[in-house]
Amino acid sequence: MTASDRTRELALAAAQAAADKKAQDIVIIDVADQLVITDAFLIASAPNERQVLAIVDAIEEQLLNLPEKAKPVRREGERAGRWVLLDYIDLVVHVQHTEEREFYSLDRLWKDCPTIPFVDRDLVPAAPAAATGDEASPAE
């Protein structure tokens, strides 16, 4: 059993919110087959505590603005700003300081689980302008 469509929707919205705040190494891991307590982990990192907290705030705001609002049932680690966990039941968000990310290496612990693809919309190249049929003539 893989993560539900709702979980994927939450994870992708949260990932984009994190990307908008310049989070690094954003990964969504589908842990539905391995854990009963949640379907997916979103892991992101930042180089300093202030940015960790900004990313967390952006994720919470984004998920509250979805048509089916999502509010975390638990929020931990905010005080230190080194590793903040947001628990949305089906999705658990981990925003870590870069040093914590390297030390705890959650990605490595869950490497056998599939990932949910995420591409930052700001990194997707713009579609070429549609051809109108009118050829521009070179300036003379």
Protein backbone atom coordinates (compact mmCIF):
# COMPACT_ATOMS: atom_id res chain seq x y z
CA MET A 1 0.00 0.00 0.00
CA THR A 2 1.41 3.38 -0.95
CA ALA A 3 0.70 6.85 0.32
CA SER A 4 -2.82 8.10 -0.37
CA ASP A 5 -3.58 10.82 -2.91
CA ARG A 6 -4.38 13.18 -0.02
CA THR A 7 -0.99 12.47 1.57
CA ARG A 8 0.73 13.09 -1.77
CA GLU A 9 -1.17 16.36 -2.16
CA LEU A 10 -0.13 17.52 1.33
CA ALA A 11 3.47 16.42 0.82
CA LEU A 12 3.83 18.17 -2.54
CA ALA A 13 2.23 21.38 -1.23
CA ALA A 14 4.50 21.31 1.81
CA ALA A 15 7.55 20.61 -0.36
CA GLN A 16 6.76 23.58 -2.60
CA ALA A 17 6.30 25.84 0.43
CA ALA A 18 9.69 24.67 1.70
CA ALA A 19 11.28 25.26 -1.72
CA ASP A 20 9.80 28.76 -1.83
CA LYS A 21 11.73 29.49 1.39
CA LYS A 22 14.95 28.10 -0.11
CA ALA A 23 14.96 24.77 1.72
CA GLN A 24 17.70 22.40 0.60
CA ASP A 25 17.64 18.71 -0.34
CA ILE A 26 13.87 18.31 -0.23
CA VAL A 27 12.87 14.64 -0.24
CA ILE A 28 9.47 12.98 0.15
CA ILE A 29 9.68 9.36 1.28
CA ASP A 30 6.70 7.01 1.00
CA VAL A 31 6.87 4.97 4.21
CA ALA A 32 3.31 3.58 4.04
CA ASP A 33 4.52 0.00 3.52
CA GLN A 34 6.96 0.23 6.46
CA LEU A 35 5.05 2.19 9.12
CA VAL A 36 1.51 2.12 10.41
CA ILE A 37 1.68 5.53 12.05
CA THR A 38 2.19 7.62 8.90
CA ASP A 39 2.28 7.37 5.12
CA ALA A 40 5.07 9.76 4.18
CA PHE A 41 8.00 11.78 5.47
CA LEU A 42 8.98 15.12 4.03
CA ILE A 43 12.59 15.94 4.86
CA ALA A 44 14.15 19.33 4.14
CA SER A 45 17.10 21.23 5.53
CA ALA A 46 18.41 24.75 5.97
CA PRO A 47 21.79 26.21 6.95
CA ASN A 48 20.59 28.11 10.03
CA GLU A 49 17.92 28.07 12.75
CA ARG A 50 16.12 31.17 11.48
CA GLN A 51 15.63 29.63 8.06
CA VAL A 52 14.48 26.32 9.58
CA LEU A 53 11.74 28.22 11.42
CA ALA A 54 10.81 30.26 8.33
CA ILE A 55 10.41 27.04 6.32
CA VAL A 56 8.26 25.50 9.04
CA ASP A 57 6.03 28.60 9.16
CA ALA A 58 5.67 28.59 5.36
CA ILE A 59 4.68 24.91 5.33
CA GLU A 60 2.07 25.40 8.04
CA GLU A 61 0.63 28.44 6.27
CA GLN A 62 0.50 26.66 2.91
CA LEU A 63 -1.29 23.60 4.29
CA LEU A 64 -3.78 25.76 6.17
CA ASN A 65 -4.66 27.49 2.88
CA LEU A 66 -5.50 24.27 1.03
CA PRO A 67 -9.20 23.71 0.21
CA GLU A 68 -9.21 20.92 2.83
CA LYS A 69 -7.22 22.72 5.51
CA ALA A 70 -4.53 20.74 7.27
CA LYS A 71 -3.27 21.63 10.70
CA PRO A 72 -0.52 19.71 12.49
CA VAL A 73 -1.63 17.65 15.46
CA ARG A 74 1.84 18.03 16.95
CA ARG A 75 4.75 20.42 16.50
CA GLU A 76 8.08 19.66 18.17
CA GLY A 77 11.55 21.20 18.25
CA GLU A 78 10.52 24.74 17.45
CA ARG A 79 12.29 26.20 20.45
CA ALA A 80 15.80 25.19 19.36
CA GLY A 81 15.13 25.55 15.64
CA ARG A 82 17.56 22.75 14.78
CA TRP A 83 15.04 20.02 13.94
CA VAL A 84 11.34 20.83 13.79
CA LEU A 85 8.79 18.08 13.33
CA LEU A 86 5.26 18.75 12.11
CA ASP A 87 2.89 15.79 12.48
CA TYR A 88 -0.08 15.82 10.10
CA ILE A 89 -0.92 12.16 10.91
CA ASP A 90 -0.49 10.85 7.33
CA LEU A 91 2.48 13.15 6.68
CA VAL A 92 5.34 13.89 9.05
CA VAL A 93 7.48 16.88 8.10
CA HIS A 94 11.09 17.06 9.29
CA VAL A 95 12.85 20.40 8.76
CA GLN A 96 16.40 20.07 9.96
CA HIS A 97 19.46 22.23 10.32
CA THR A 98 22.01 20.99 7.76
CA GLU A 99 24.25 19.59 10.53
CA GLU A 100 21.39 17.56 12.06
CA ARG A 101 20.41 16.32 8.61
CA GLU A 102 23.91 14.99 8.01
CA PHE A 103 24.27 13.51 11.51
CA TYR A 104 20.89 11.74 11.77
CA SER A 105 20.68 10.88 8.07
CA LEU A 106 16.98 10.02 7.93
CA ASP A 107 17.32 9.63 4.16
CA ARG A 108 19.74 6.75 4.71
CA LEU A 109 17.53 5.11 7.34
CA TRP A 110 14.60 5.00 4.91
CA LYS A 111 16.59 4.39 1.71
CA ASP A 112 14.67 1.19 0.93
CA CYS A 113 11.39 3.09 0.68
CA PRO A 114 10.21 4.67 -2.56
CA THR A 115 10.27 8.42 -2.93
CA ILE A 116 7.51 10.67 -4.21
CA PRO A 117 8.92 12.83 -7.01
CA PHE A 118 9.02 16.57 -6.34
CA VAL A 119 10.26 19.28 -8.68
CA ASP A 120 10.35 22.88 -7.53
CA ARG A 121 8.05 24.85 -9.85
CA ASP A 122 10.66 27.62 -10.01
CA LEU A 123 13.13 25.18 -11.56
CA VAL A 124 10.79 23.98 -14.31
CA PRO A 125 11.64 25.74 -17.58
CA ALA A 126 8.87 27.90 -19.00
CA ALA A 127 7.01 26.39 -21.93
CA PRO A 128 7.97 27.91 -25.28
CA ALA A 129 5.51 30.41 -26.70
CA ALA A 130 2.91 28.72 -28.83
CA ALA A 131 3.37 29.18 -32.55
CA THR A 132 0.81 31.59 -33.91
CA GLY A 133 1.36 30.77 -37.56
CA ASP A 134 2.61 34.29 -38.22
CA GLU A 135 6.25 34.30 -39.09
CA ALA A 136 8.05 37.40 -38.00
CA SER A 137 9.91 38.90 -40.88
CA PRO A 138 13.46 39.98 -40.27
CA ALA A 139 13.93 43.70 -39.78
CA GLU A 140 15.31 45.40 -42.81
